[in-house]
Amino acid sequence: MEAVIHTEKLTKRYGKNRGIVDVDLDVYPGEIFGFLGPNGAGKTTTIRTLLDFIHPTSGRASIFGFDTQDDSVEAHALLGNLPGEYNLDQKMTGEQLIRYYGRLRGVTDFGYAGEVAERLGAEMSRPLHHLSRGNKQKIGIVQALFHRPPLLILDEPTTGLDPLVQDEFLHLLEDAREEGRTVFFSSHVLSEVERVCDHVGIVREGELVALETTETLIQKRLRRMSLQFASPIDLNEFAALPGVSEARAEGNTVHLTLNDGIDGVIKVAAQHTLIDVDLRRPSLEEIFLAYYGATL
């Protein structure tokens, strides 16, 4: 299967300052790809390079097989984009803006634009200078989605949206995936990435430090396990087991951090009167913090 987005050693340097370095990634048709990293990590630089708003220092990128520099017009015709920061004609209403973009793209049917606007609660009839940051963001989302492009590239799309609108926006992304369209979006809201994304990339200081399916990324990391017994037990029985990286007792409850070795833990626990067991995988937020030097 040919990748919708493909990069090879994509690098952008700003003089002595770092941008992105040797970014290799593939995003495939019909998937939602989450691109994670704090401000300054290289997310927006990557997106702007993909869109040919800035040129790479070295390496290359393609969208639907079109080189992002040599064939940028063809690539742009196949995508919808919401930048992290954008300036719109403040005198125009949302409806006027979408119809303007529609003329540029040759779109005459605005039925889907109306559906997206209604689902987000976008105020399409008011001039943009009368709208709050969050309501302007809704208009920005409508202009990215209204023509049902096969690829969406969205930079921090839920910025300024309230939780209910964020939830509806994620439903829109899930609908796009069901239609076979592809989504690439950056985000600070790790819970939303964990909810909808098929693959996740984590960028740190301009380098892609993790590239996994969301499920694999979560499964391969540490797990937390709590065992409640009828009476206190010797903690060393668990601390000495292979795969147990941390063990502590709290009354009759043993709390473990596991790299592996659940089978051994269960066998030791079965030698005692076990009342309750709780096992959970780390959240994407915990994994993200681990890549930035925090301790799980």
C-alpha atoms as a PDB file:
ATOM      1  CA  MET A   1       0.000   0.000   0.000  1.00  0.00           C
ATOM      2  CA  GLU A   2       1.457   3.350  -1.040  1.00  0.00           C
ATOM      3  CA  ALA A   3       1.765   5.923   1.722  1.00  0.00           C
ATOM      4  CA  VAL A   4      -0.345   9.073   1.552  1.00  0.00           C
ATOM      5  CA  ILE A   5       2.424  11.024   3.314  1.00  0.00           C
ATOM      6  CA  HIS A   6       6.002   9.863   2.902  1.00  0.00           C
ATOM      7  CA  THR A   7       9.173  11.540   4.148  1.00  0.00           C
ATOM      8  CA  GLU A   8      12.816  10.542   3.807  1.00  0.00           C
ATOM      9  CA  LYS A   9      15.415  12.144   6.084  1.00  0.00           C
ATOM     10  CA  LEU A  10      13.348  15.318   6.082  1.00  0.00           C
ATOM     11  CA  THR A  11      15.460  18.048   7.671  1.00  0.00           C
ATOM     12  CA  LYS A  12      14.981  21.764   8.183  1.00  0.00           C
ATOM     13  CA  ARG A  13      17.589  23.921   9.884  1.00  0.00           C
ATOM     14  CA  TYR A  14      17.356  27.614  10.719  1.00  0.00           C
ATOM     15  CA  GLY A  15      20.995  28.638  10.673  1.00  0.00           C
ATOM     16  CA  LYS A  16      22.450  27.402  13.948  1.00  0.00           C
ATOM     17  CA  ASN A  17      18.968  26.713  15.311  1.00  0.00           C
ATOM     18  CA  ARG A  18      17.399  23.274  15.116  1.00  0.00           C
ATOM     19  CA  GLY A  19      14.184  22.668  13.243  1.00  0.00           C
ATOM     20  CA  ILE A  20      13.688  19.003  12.353  1.00  0.00           C
ATOM     21  CA  VAL A  21      16.326  16.352  11.670  1.00  0.00           C
ATOM     22  CA  ASP A  22      16.060  13.207   9.522  1.00  0.00           C
ATOM     23  CA  VAL A  23      12.326  12.690   9.956  1.00  0.00           C
ATOM     24  CA  ASP A  24      11.237   9.410   8.326  1.00  0.00           C
ATOM     25  CA  LEU A  25       7.557   8.589   8.457  1.00  0.00           C
ATOM     26  CA  ASP A  26       4.762   7.063   6.430  1.00  0.00           C
ATOM     27  CA  VAL A  27       1.054   7.754   6.867  1.00  0.00           C
ATOM     28  CA  TYR A  28      -1.243   5.325   5.084  1.00  0.00           C
ATOM     29  CA  PRO A  29      -4.708   5.668   3.523  1.00  0.00           C
ATOM     30  CA  GLY A  30      -7.653   5.636   5.896  1.00  0.00           C
ATOM     31  CA  GLU A  31      -5.735   6.152   9.123  1.00  0.00           C
ATOM     32  CA  ILE A  32      -5.628   8.904  11.717  1.00  0.00           C
ATOM     33  CA  PHE A  33      -2.056   9.803  12.621  1.00  0.00           C
ATOM     34  CA  GLY A  34      -1.313  11.786  15.777  1.00  0.00           C
ATOM     35  CA  PHE A  35       1.827  13.920  15.881  1.00  0.00           C
ATOM     36  CA  LEU A  36       2.892  14.743  19.442  1.00  0.00           C
ATOM     37  CA  GLY A  37       5.410  17.072  21.004  1.00  0.00           C
ATOM     38  CA  PRO A  38       5.586  20.238  23.116  1.00  0.00           C
ATOM     39  CA  ASN A  39       5.964  23.699  21.655  1.00  0.00           C
ATOM     40  CA  GLY A  40       9.265  24.002  19.827  1.00  0.00           C
ATOM     41  CA  ALA A  41       9.694  20.257  19.290  1.00  0.00           C
ATOM     42  CA  GLY A  42       9.280  20.482  15.511  1.00  0.00           C
ATOM     43  CA  LYS A  43       5.616  19.644  14.872  1.00  0.00           C
ATOM     44  CA  THR A  44       4.689  22.833  13.047  1.00  0.00           C
ATOM     45  CA  THR A  45       7.991  22.897  11.148  1.00  0.00           C
ATOM     46  CA  THR A  46       7.242  19.387   9.878  1.00  0.00           C
ATOM     47  CA  ILE A  47       3.737  20.377   8.792  1.00  0.00           C
ATOM     48  CA  ARG A  48       4.881  23.576   7.080  1.00  0.00           C
ATOM     49  CA  THR A  49       7.551  21.634   5.236  1.00  0.00           C
ATOM     50  CA  LEU A  50       5.005  19.046   4.097  1.00  0.00           C
ATOM     51  CA  LEU A  51       2.837  21.879   2.785  1.00  0.00           C
ATOM     52  CA  ASP A  52       5.823  23.536   1.044  1.00  0.00           C
ATOM     53  CA  PHE A  53       5.338  26.708   3.041  1.00  0.00           C
ATOM     54  CA  ILE A  54       9.019  26.322   3.906  1.00  0.00           C
ATOM     55  CA  HIS A  55      11.625  24.326   1.990  1.00  0.00           C
ATOM     56  CA  PRO A  56      13.618  21.522   3.611  1.00  0.00           C
ATOM     57  CA  THR A  57      17.341  21.884   4.083  1.00  0.00           C
ATOM     58  CA  SER A  58      17.693  18.285   2.947  1.00  0.00           C
ATOM     59  CA  GLY A  59      15.609  15.168   2.490  1.00  0.00           C
ATOM     60  CA  ARG A  60      12.304  14.921   0.674  1.00  0.00           C
ATOM     61  CA  ALA A  61       8.590  14.468   1.199  1.00  0.00           C
ATOM     62  CA  SER A  62       5.650  13.427  -0.946  1.00  0.00           C
ATOM     63  CA  ILE A  63       1.861  13.526  -0.667  1.00  0.00           C
ATOM     64  CA  PHE A  64      -0.063  10.952  -2.713  1.00  0.00           C
ATOM     65  CA  GLY A  65       3.168  10.413  -4.616  1.00  0.00           C
ATOM     66  CA  PHE A  66       3.511  14.092  -5.524  1.00  0.00           C
ATOM     67  CA  ASP A  67       6.774  15.704  -4.462  1.00  0.00           C
ATOM     68  CA  THR A  68       5.860  18.431  -1.995  1.00  0.00           C
ATOM     69  CA  GLN A  69       8.185  20.928  -3.690  1.00  0.00           C
ATOM     70  CA  ASP A  70       8.002  20.066  -7.371  1.00  0.00           C
ATOM     71  CA  ASP A  71       4.307  19.134  -7.397  1.00  0.00           C
ATOM     72  CA  SER A  72       2.916  21.239  -4.574  1.00  0.00           C
ATOM     73  CA  VAL A  73      -0.127  22.424  -6.565  1.00  0.00           C
ATOM     74  CA  GLU A  74      -1.202  18.845  -7.273  1.00  0.00           C
ATOM     75  CA  ALA A  75      -0.610  17.879  -3.628  1.00  0.00           C
ATOM     76  CA  HIS A  76      -2.573  20.849  -2.266  1.00  0.00           C
ATOM     77  CA  ALA A  77      -5.550  19.990  -4.468  1.00  0.00           C
ATOM     78  CA  LEU A  78      -5.915  16.736  -2.508  1.00  0.00           C
ATOM     79  CA  LEU A  79      -5.810  18.057   1.040  1.00  0.00           C
ATOM     80  CA  GLY A  80      -7.497  20.273   3.569  1.00  0.00           C
ATOM     81  CA  ASN A  81      -5.327  22.217   5.984  1.00  0.00           C
ATOM     82  CA  LEU A  82      -5.870  23.960   9.295  1.00  0.00           C
ATOM     83  CA  PRO A  83      -2.709  25.813  10.357  1.00  0.00           C
ATOM     84  CA  GLY A  84      -1.863  26.455  13.978  1.00  0.00           C
ATOM     85  CA  GLU A  85      -1.969  30.193  13.347  1.00  0.00           C
ATOM     86  CA  TYR A  86      -3.909  31.766  10.513  1.00  0.00           C
ATOM     87  CA  ASN A  87      -5.259  35.124   9.445  1.00  0.00           C
ATOM     88  CA  LEU A  88      -8.694  35.384   7.873  1.00  0.00           C
ATOM     89  CA  ASP A  89     -10.505  38.368   6.382  1.00  0.00           C
ATOM     90  CA  GLN A  90     -12.123  39.688   9.530  1.00  0.00           C
ATOM     91  CA  LYS A  91     -14.877  41.501   7.609  1.00  0.00           C
ATOM     92  CA  MET A  92     -16.152  38.316   5.994  1.00  0.00           C
ATOM     93  CA  THR A  93     -18.664  35.990   7.566  1.00  0.00           C
ATOM     94  CA  GLY A  94     -17.890  32.292   7.902  1.00  0.00           C
ATOM     95  CA  GLU A  95     -20.311  31.502   5.066  1.00  0.00           C
ATOM     96  CA  GLN A  96     -18.693  34.076   2.766  1.00  0.00           C
ATOM     97  CA  LEU A  97     -15.267  32.682   3.586  1.00  0.00           C
ATOM     98  CA  ILE A  98     -16.259  29.084   2.789  1.00  0.00           C
ATOM     99  CA  ARG A  99     -17.890  30.120  -0.478  1.00  0.00           C
ATOM    100  CA  TYR A 100     -14.742  32.035  -1.397  1.00  0.00           C
ATOM    101  CA  TYR A 101     -12.611  28.932  -0.788  1.00  0.00           C
ATOM    102  CA  GLY A 102     -15.211  26.913  -2.667  1.00  0.00           C
ATOM    103  CA  ARG A 103     -14.769  29.070  -5.769  1.00  0.00           C
ATOM    104  CA  LEU A 104     -11.001  28.591  -5.566  1.00  0.00           C
ATOM    105  CA  ARG A 105     -11.460  24.814  -5.411  1.00  0.00           C
ATOM    106  CA  GLY A 106     -14.300  24.589  -7.887  1.00  0.00           C
ATOM    107  CA  VAL A 107     -16.739  23.383  -5.224  1.00  0.00           C
ATOM    108  CA  THR A 108     -20.405  24.176  -5.787  1.00  0.00           C
ATOM    109  CA  ASP A 109     -22.066  21.880  -3.238  1.00  0.00           C
ATOM    110  CA  PHE A 110     -21.796  23.303   0.271  1.00  0.00           C
ATOM    111  CA  GLY A 111     -24.067  20.787   1.942  1.00  0.00           C
ATOM    112  CA  TYR A 112     -21.244  19.138   3.864  1.00  0.00           C
ATOM    113  CA  ALA A 113     -19.923  22.555   4.956  1.00  0.00           C
ATOM    114  CA  GLY A 114     -23.322  23.244   6.496  1.00  0.00           C
ATOM    115  CA  GLU A 115     -23.341  19.854   8.214  1.00  0.00           C
ATOM    116  CA  VAL A 116     -19.885  20.392   9.750  1.00  0.00           C
ATOM    117  CA  ALA A 117     -20.797  23.934  10.818  1.00  0.00           C
ATOM    118  CA  GLU A 118     -23.999  22.697  12.470  1.00  0.00           C
ATOM    119  CA  ARG A 119     -22.236  19.860  14.301  1.00  0.00           C
ATOM    120  CA  LEU A 120     -19.606  22.244  15.654  1.00  0.00           C
ATOM    121  CA  GLY A 121     -22.057  25.054  16.414  1.00  0.00           C
ATOM    122  CA  ALA A 122     -20.112  27.411  14.138  1.00  0.00           C
ATOM    123  CA  GLU A 123     -21.574  30.910  13.734  1.00  0.00           C
ATOM    124  CA  MET A 124     -21.425  31.212   9.955  1.00  0.00           C
ATOM    125  CA  SER A 125     -23.471  34.394   9.550  1.00  0.00           C
ATOM    126  CA  ARG A 126     -21.439  36.753  11.746  1.00  0.00           C
ATOM    127  CA  PRO A 127     -18.319  38.657  10.628  1.00  0.00           C
ATOM    128  CA  LEU A 128     -15.190  37.013  11.951  1.00  0.00           C
ATOM    129  CA  HIS A 129     -14.108  40.081  13.918  1.00  0.00           C
ATOM    130  CA  HIS A 130     -17.148  39.551  16.142  1.00  0.00           C
ATOM    131  CA  LEU A 131     -16.155  35.958  16.976  1.00  0.00           C
ATOM    132  CA  SER A 132     -14.141  34.586  19.879  1.00  0.00           C
ATOM    133  CA  ARG A 133     -10.948  32.576  19.359  1.00  0.00           C
ATOM    134  CA  GLY A 134     -12.841  29.327  19.766  1.00  0.00           C
ATOM    135  CA  ASN A 135     -15.556  30.294  17.291  1.00  0.00           C
ATOM    136  CA  LYS A 136     -12.946  31.358  14.744  1.00  0.00           C
ATOM    137  CA  GLN A 137     -11.343  27.947  15.216  1.00  0.00           C
ATOM    138  CA  LYS A 138     -14.653  26.331  14.275  1.00  0.00           C
ATOM    139  CA  ILE A 139     -14.677  28.309  11.021  1.00  0.00           C
ATOM    140  CA  GLY A 140     -11.107  27.188  10.390  1.00  0.00           C
ATOM    141  CA  ILE A 141     -12.139  23.551  10.837  1.00  0.00           C
ATOM    142  CA  VAL A 142     -15.063  23.992   8.437  1.00  0.00           C
ATOM    143  CA  GLN A 143     -12.766  25.419   5.747  1.00  0.00           C
ATOM    144  CA  ALA A 144     -10.392  22.461   6.160  1.00  0.00           C
ATOM    145  CA  LEU A 145     -13.150  19.845   5.898  1.00  0.00           C
ATOM    146  CA  PHE A 146     -15.884  21.350   3.707  1.00  0.00           C
ATOM    147  CA  HIS A 147     -14.679  19.869   0.376  1.00  0.00           C
ATOM    148  CA  ARG A 148     -14.190  16.348   1.838  1.00  0.00           C
ATOM    149  CA  PRO A 149     -10.510  16.106   0.815  1.00  0.00           C
ATOM    150  CA  PRO A 150      -8.816  12.687   0.857  1.00  0.00           C
ATOM    151  CA  LEU A 151      -6.184  14.080   3.264  1.00  0.00           C
ATOM    152  CA  LEU A 152      -6.523  16.400   6.246  1.00  0.00           C
ATOM    153  CA  ILE A 153      -3.452  18.077   7.762  1.00  0.00           C
ATOM    154  CA  LEU A 154      -4.415  19.843  10.977  1.00  0.00           C
ATOM    155  CA  ASP A 155      -2.115  21.696  13.372  1.00  0.00           C
ATOM    156  CA  GLU A 156      -3.498  21.784  16.936  1.00  0.00           C
ATOM    157  CA  PRO A 157      -7.097  21.714  15.637  1.00  0.00           C
ATOM    158  CA  THR A 158      -8.895  21.686  19.012  1.00  0.00           C
ATOM    159  CA  THR A 159      -7.201  24.814  20.371  1.00  0.00           C
ATOM    160  CA  GLY A 160      -9.823  27.058  21.945  1.00  0.00           C
ATOM    161  CA  LEU A 161     -12.683  24.558  21.619  1.00  0.00           C
ATOM    162  CA  ASP A 162     -14.795  23.617  24.622  1.00  0.00           C
ATOM    163  CA  PRO A 163     -14.934  19.909  25.608  1.00  0.00           C
ATOM    164  CA  LEU A 164     -18.272  19.190  23.914  1.00  0.00           C
ATOM    165  CA  VAL A 165     -17.104  20.685  20.628  1.00  0.00           C
ATOM    166  CA  GLN A 166     -13.804  18.818  20.919  1.00  0.00           C
ATOM    167  CA  ASP A 167     -15.774  15.591  21.245  1.00  0.00           C
ATOM    168  CA  GLU A 168     -17.853  16.352  18.146  1.00  0.00           C
ATOM    169  CA  PHE A 169     -14.710  17.266  16.219  1.00  0.00           C
ATOM    170  CA  LEU A 170     -13.223  13.856  17.034  1.00  0.00           C
ATOM    171  CA  HIS A 171     -16.405  12.252  15.721  1.00  0.00           C
ATOM    172  CA  LEU A 172     -15.839  14.165  12.467  1.00  0.00           C
ATOM    173  CA  LEU A 173     -12.339  12.705  12.223  1.00  0.00           C
ATOM    174  CA  GLU A 174     -13.695   9.217  12.870  1.00  0.00           C
ATOM    175  CA  ASP A 175     -16.277   9.775  10.126  1.00  0.00           C
ATOM    176  CA  ALA A 176     -13.487  10.789   7.739  1.00  0.00           C
ATOM    177  CA  ARG A 177     -11.613   7.580   8.538  1.00  0.00           C
ATOM    178  CA  GLU A 178     -14.740   5.488   7.916  1.00  0.00           C
ATOM    179  CA  GLU A 179     -14.986   7.129   4.490  1.00  0.00           C
ATOM    180  CA  GLY A 180     -11.416   6.038   3.747  1.00  0.00           C
ATOM    181  CA  ARG A 181      -9.892   9.479   4.117  1.00  0.00           C
ATOM    182  CA  THR A 182      -6.612  10.118   5.930  1.00  0.00           C
ATOM    183  CA  VAL A 183      -5.951  12.483   8.841  1.00  0.00           C
ATOM    184  CA  PHE A 184      -2.619  13.839  10.082  1.00  0.00           C
ATOM    185  CA  PHE A 185      -2.918  16.120  13.085  1.00  0.00           C
ATOM    186  CA  SER A 186      -0.727  17.511  15.824  1.00  0.00           C
ATOM    187  CA  SER A 187      -2.065  17.901  19.320  1.00  0.00           C
ATOM    188  CA  HIS A 188      -1.269  18.719  22.927  1.00  0.00           C
ATOM    189  CA  VAL A 189      -4.400  16.931  24.129  1.00  0.00           C
ATOM    190  CA  LEU A 190      -3.081  13.416  24.610  1.00  0.00           C
ATOM    191  CA  SER A 191      -6.418  11.915  25.592  1.00  0.00           C
ATOM    192  CA  GLU A 192      -7.908  12.807  22.219  1.00  0.00           C
ATOM    193  CA  VAL A 193      -4.950  11.299  20.390  1.00  0.00           C
ATOM    194  CA  GLU A 194      -5.286   8.110  22.405  1.00  0.00           C
ATOM    195  CA  ARG A 195      -8.982   7.952  21.604  1.00  0.00           C
ATOM    196  CA  VAL A 196      -8.929   8.300  17.806  1.00  0.00           C
ATOM    197  CA  CYS A 197      -5.432   7.760  16.427  1.00  0.00           C
ATOM    198  CA  ASP A 198      -4.262   4.580  14.712  1.00  0.00           C
ATOM    199  CA  HIS A 199      -0.592   5.603  14.719  1.00  0.00           C
ATOM    200  CA  VAL A 200       1.337   8.039  16.880  1.00  0.00           C
ATOM    201  CA  GLY A 201       4.608   9.851  16.287  1.00  0.00           C
ATOM    202  CA  ILE A 202       6.424  11.581  19.145  1.00  0.00           C
ATOM    203  CA  VAL A 203       8.889  14.310  18.185  1.00  0.00           C
ATOM    204  CA  ARG A 204      11.519  15.597  20.603  1.00  0.00           C
ATOM    205  CA  GLU A 205      14.008  18.345  19.796  1.00  0.00           C
ATOM    206  CA  GLY A 206      13.316  17.934  16.099  1.00  0.00           C
ATOM    207  CA  GLU A 207      13.779  14.156  16.012  1.00  0.00           C
ATOM    208  CA  LEU A 208      11.114  11.486  15.700  1.00  0.00           C
ATOM    209  CA  VAL A 209      11.746   9.410  18.833  1.00  0.00           C
ATOM    210  CA  ALA A 210       8.739   7.079  18.609  1.00  0.00           C
ATOM    211  CA  LEU A 211       6.613   5.859  15.723  1.00  0.00           C
ATOM    212  CA  GLU A 212       4.128   3.144  16.652  1.00  0.00           C
ATOM    213  CA  THR A 213       0.518   2.123  16.475  1.00  0.00           C
ATOM    214  CA  THR A 214      -1.242   3.655  19.460  1.00  0.00           C
ATOM    215  CA  GLU A 215      -2.030   0.210  20.849  1.00  0.00           C
ATOM    216  CA  THR A 216       1.553  -1.071  20.495  1.00  0.00           C
ATOM    217  CA  LEU A 217       3.016   2.048  22.057  1.00  0.00           C
ATOM    218  CA  ILE A 218       0.812   1.629  25.105  1.00  0.00           C
ATOM    219  CA  GLN A 219       1.241  -2.138  25.390  1.00  0.00           C
ATOM    220  CA  LYS A 220       5.035  -2.073  25.216  1.00  0.00           C
ATOM    221  CA  ARG A 221       5.389   0.313  28.132  1.00  0.00           C
ATOM    222  CA  LEU A 222       5.175  -0.370  31.871  1.00  0.00           C
ATOM    223  CA  ARG A 223       1.996  -1.620  33.477  1.00  0.00           C
ATOM    224  CA  ARG A 224       0.651  -0.899  36.939  1.00  0.00           C
ATOM    225  CA  MET A 225      -0.736  -3.719  39.066  1.00  0.00           C
ATOM    226  CA  SER A 226      -2.334  -3.619  42.512  1.00  0.00           C
ATOM    227  CA  LEU A 227      -3.010  -6.779  44.533  1.00  0.00           C
ATOM    228  CA  GLN A 228      -5.151  -6.663  47.668  1.00  0.00           C
ATOM    229  CA  PHE A 229      -4.723  -9.562  50.110  1.00  0.00           C
ATOM    230  CA  ALA A 230      -6.598 -10.683  53.215  1.00  0.00           C
ATOM    231  CA  SER A 231      -3.527  -9.933  55.339  1.00  0.00           C
ATOM    232  CA  PRO A 232      -0.077  -8.334  54.931  1.00  0.00           C
ATOM    233  CA  ILE A 233       2.502 -10.377  53.009  1.00  0.00           C
ATOM    234  CA  ASP A 234       6.243 -10.302  52.439  1.00  0.00           C
ATOM    235  CA  LEU A 235       6.902  -7.724  49.712  1.00  0.00           C
ATOM    236  CA  ASN A 236      10.151  -9.448  48.731  1.00  0.00           C
ATOM    237  CA  GLU A 237       8.154 -12.308  47.199  1.00  0.00           C
ATOM    238  CA  PHE A 238       7.149  -9.920  44.407  1.00  0.00           C
ATOM    239  CA  ALA A 239      10.117  -7.543  44.337  1.00  0.00           C
ATOM    240  CA  ALA A 240      12.461 -10.398  43.388  1.00  0.00           C
ATOM    241  CA  LEU A 241      10.368 -11.558  40.410  1.00  0.00           C
ATOM    242  CA  PRO A 242      11.661 -11.042  36.849  1.00  0.00           C
ATOM    243  CA  GLY A 243       9.894  -8.133  35.140  1.00  0.00           C
ATOM    244  CA  VAL A 244       9.001  -6.297  38.353  1.00  0.00           C
ATOM    245  CA  SER A 245      10.714  -2.913  38.304  1.00  0.00           C
ATOM    246  CA  GLU A 246       9.061  -1.436  41.387  1.00  0.00           C
ATOM    247  CA  ALA A 247       7.197  -2.897  44.367  1.00  0.00           C
ATOM    248  CA  ARG A 248       5.706  -1.216  47.418  1.00  0.00           C
ATOM    249  CA  ALA A 249       3.210  -2.215  50.094  1.00  0.00           C
ATOM    250  CA  GLU A 250       0.354  -0.209  51.511  1.00  0.00           C
ATOM    251  CA  GLY A 251      -1.356  -2.160  54.272  1.00  0.00           C
ATOM    252  CA  ASN A 252      -2.638  -5.385  52.748  1.00  0.00           C
ATOM    253  CA  THR A 253      -2.174  -4.077  49.193  1.00  0.00           C
ATOM    254  CA  VAL A 254       0.910  -4.569  47.021  1.00  0.00           C
ATOM    255  CA  HIS A 255       1.517  -2.093  44.201  1.00  0.00           C
ATOM    256  CA  LEU A 256       3.759  -3.251  41.331  1.00  0.00           C
ATOM    257  CA  THR A 257       5.219  -1.701  38.213  1.00  0.00           C
ATOM    258  CA  LEU A 258       5.809  -4.355  35.560  1.00  0.00           C
ATOM    259  CA  ASN A 259       7.934  -4.526  32.442  1.00  0.00           C
ATOM    260  CA  ASP A 260       6.792  -8.122  31.993  1.00  0.00           C
ATOM    261  CA  GLY A 261       6.215 -11.195  34.145  1.00  0.00           C
ATOM    262  CA  ILE A 262       2.484 -11.106  34.891  1.00  0.00           C
ATOM    263  CA  ASP A 263       2.367 -14.905  34.946  1.00  0.00           C
ATOM    264  CA  GLY A 264       4.945 -15.076  37.759  1.00  0.00           C
ATOM    265  CA  VAL A 265       3.115 -12.424  39.754  1.00  0.00           C
ATOM    266  CA  ILE A 266      -0.199 -14.278  39.491  1.00  0.00           C
ATOM    267  CA  LYS A 267       1.398 -17.564  40.572  1.00  0.00           C
ATOM    268  CA  VAL A 268       2.910 -15.970  43.686  1.00  0.00           C
ATOM    269  CA  ALA A 269      -0.319 -14.145  44.476  1.00  0.00           C
ATOM    270  CA  ALA A 270      -2.282 -17.409  44.210  1.00  0.00           C
ATOM    271  CA  GLN A 271      -0.337 -18.750  47.197  1.00  0.00           C
ATOM    272  CA  HIS A 272      -2.143 -16.216  49.396  1.00  0.00           C
ATOM    273  CA  THR A 273      -5.746 -15.179  49.955  1.00  0.00           C
ATOM    274  CA  LEU A 274      -6.286 -12.659  47.193  1.00  0.00           C
ATOM    275  CA  ILE A 275      -9.225 -10.266  47.508  1.00  0.00           C
ATOM    276  CA  ASP A 276      -8.865  -7.956  44.512  1.00  0.00           C
ATOM    277  CA  VAL A 277      -6.642  -7.308  41.473  1.00  0.00           C
ATOM    278  CA  ASP A 278      -6.318  -4.129  39.427  1.00  0.00           C
ATOM    279  CA  LEU A 279      -4.189  -4.025  36.275  1.00  0.00           C
ATOM    280  CA  ARG A 280      -3.893  -1.029  34.019  1.00  0.00           C
ATOM    281  CA  ARG A 281      -1.726   0.109  31.170  1.00  0.00           C
ATOM    282  CA  PRO A 282      -0.198   3.579  31.210  1.00  0.00           C
ATOM    283  CA  SER A 283      -2.071   6.361  29.487  1.00  0.00           C
ATOM    284  CA  LEU A 284      -0.597   7.981  26.412  1.00  0.00           C
ATOM    285  CA  GLU A 285       0.133  10.973  28.629  1.00  0.00           C
ATOM    286  CA  GLU A 286       2.343   8.856  30.912  1.00  0.00           C
ATOM    287  CA  ILE A 287       4.175   7.442  27.906  1.00  0.00           C
ATOM    288  CA  PHE A 288       4.661  10.902  26.456  1.00  0.00           C
ATOM    289  CA  LEU A 289       6.128  12.175  29.733  1.00  0.00           C
ATOM    290  CA  ALA A 290       8.452   9.174  29.834  1.00  0.00           C
ATOM    291  CA  TYR A 291       9.934  10.198  26.478  1.00  0.00           C
ATOM    292  CA  TYR A 292      10.589  13.633  27.925  1.00  0.00           C
ATOM    293  CA  GLY A 293      12.523  12.372  30.911  1.00  0.00           C
ATOM    294  CA  ALA A 294       9.740  12.051  33.499  1.00  0.00           C
ATOM    295  CA  THR A 295       9.553   8.905  35.597  1.00  0.00           C
ATOM    296  CA  LEU A 296       6.493   6.715  35.149  1.00  0.00           C
END
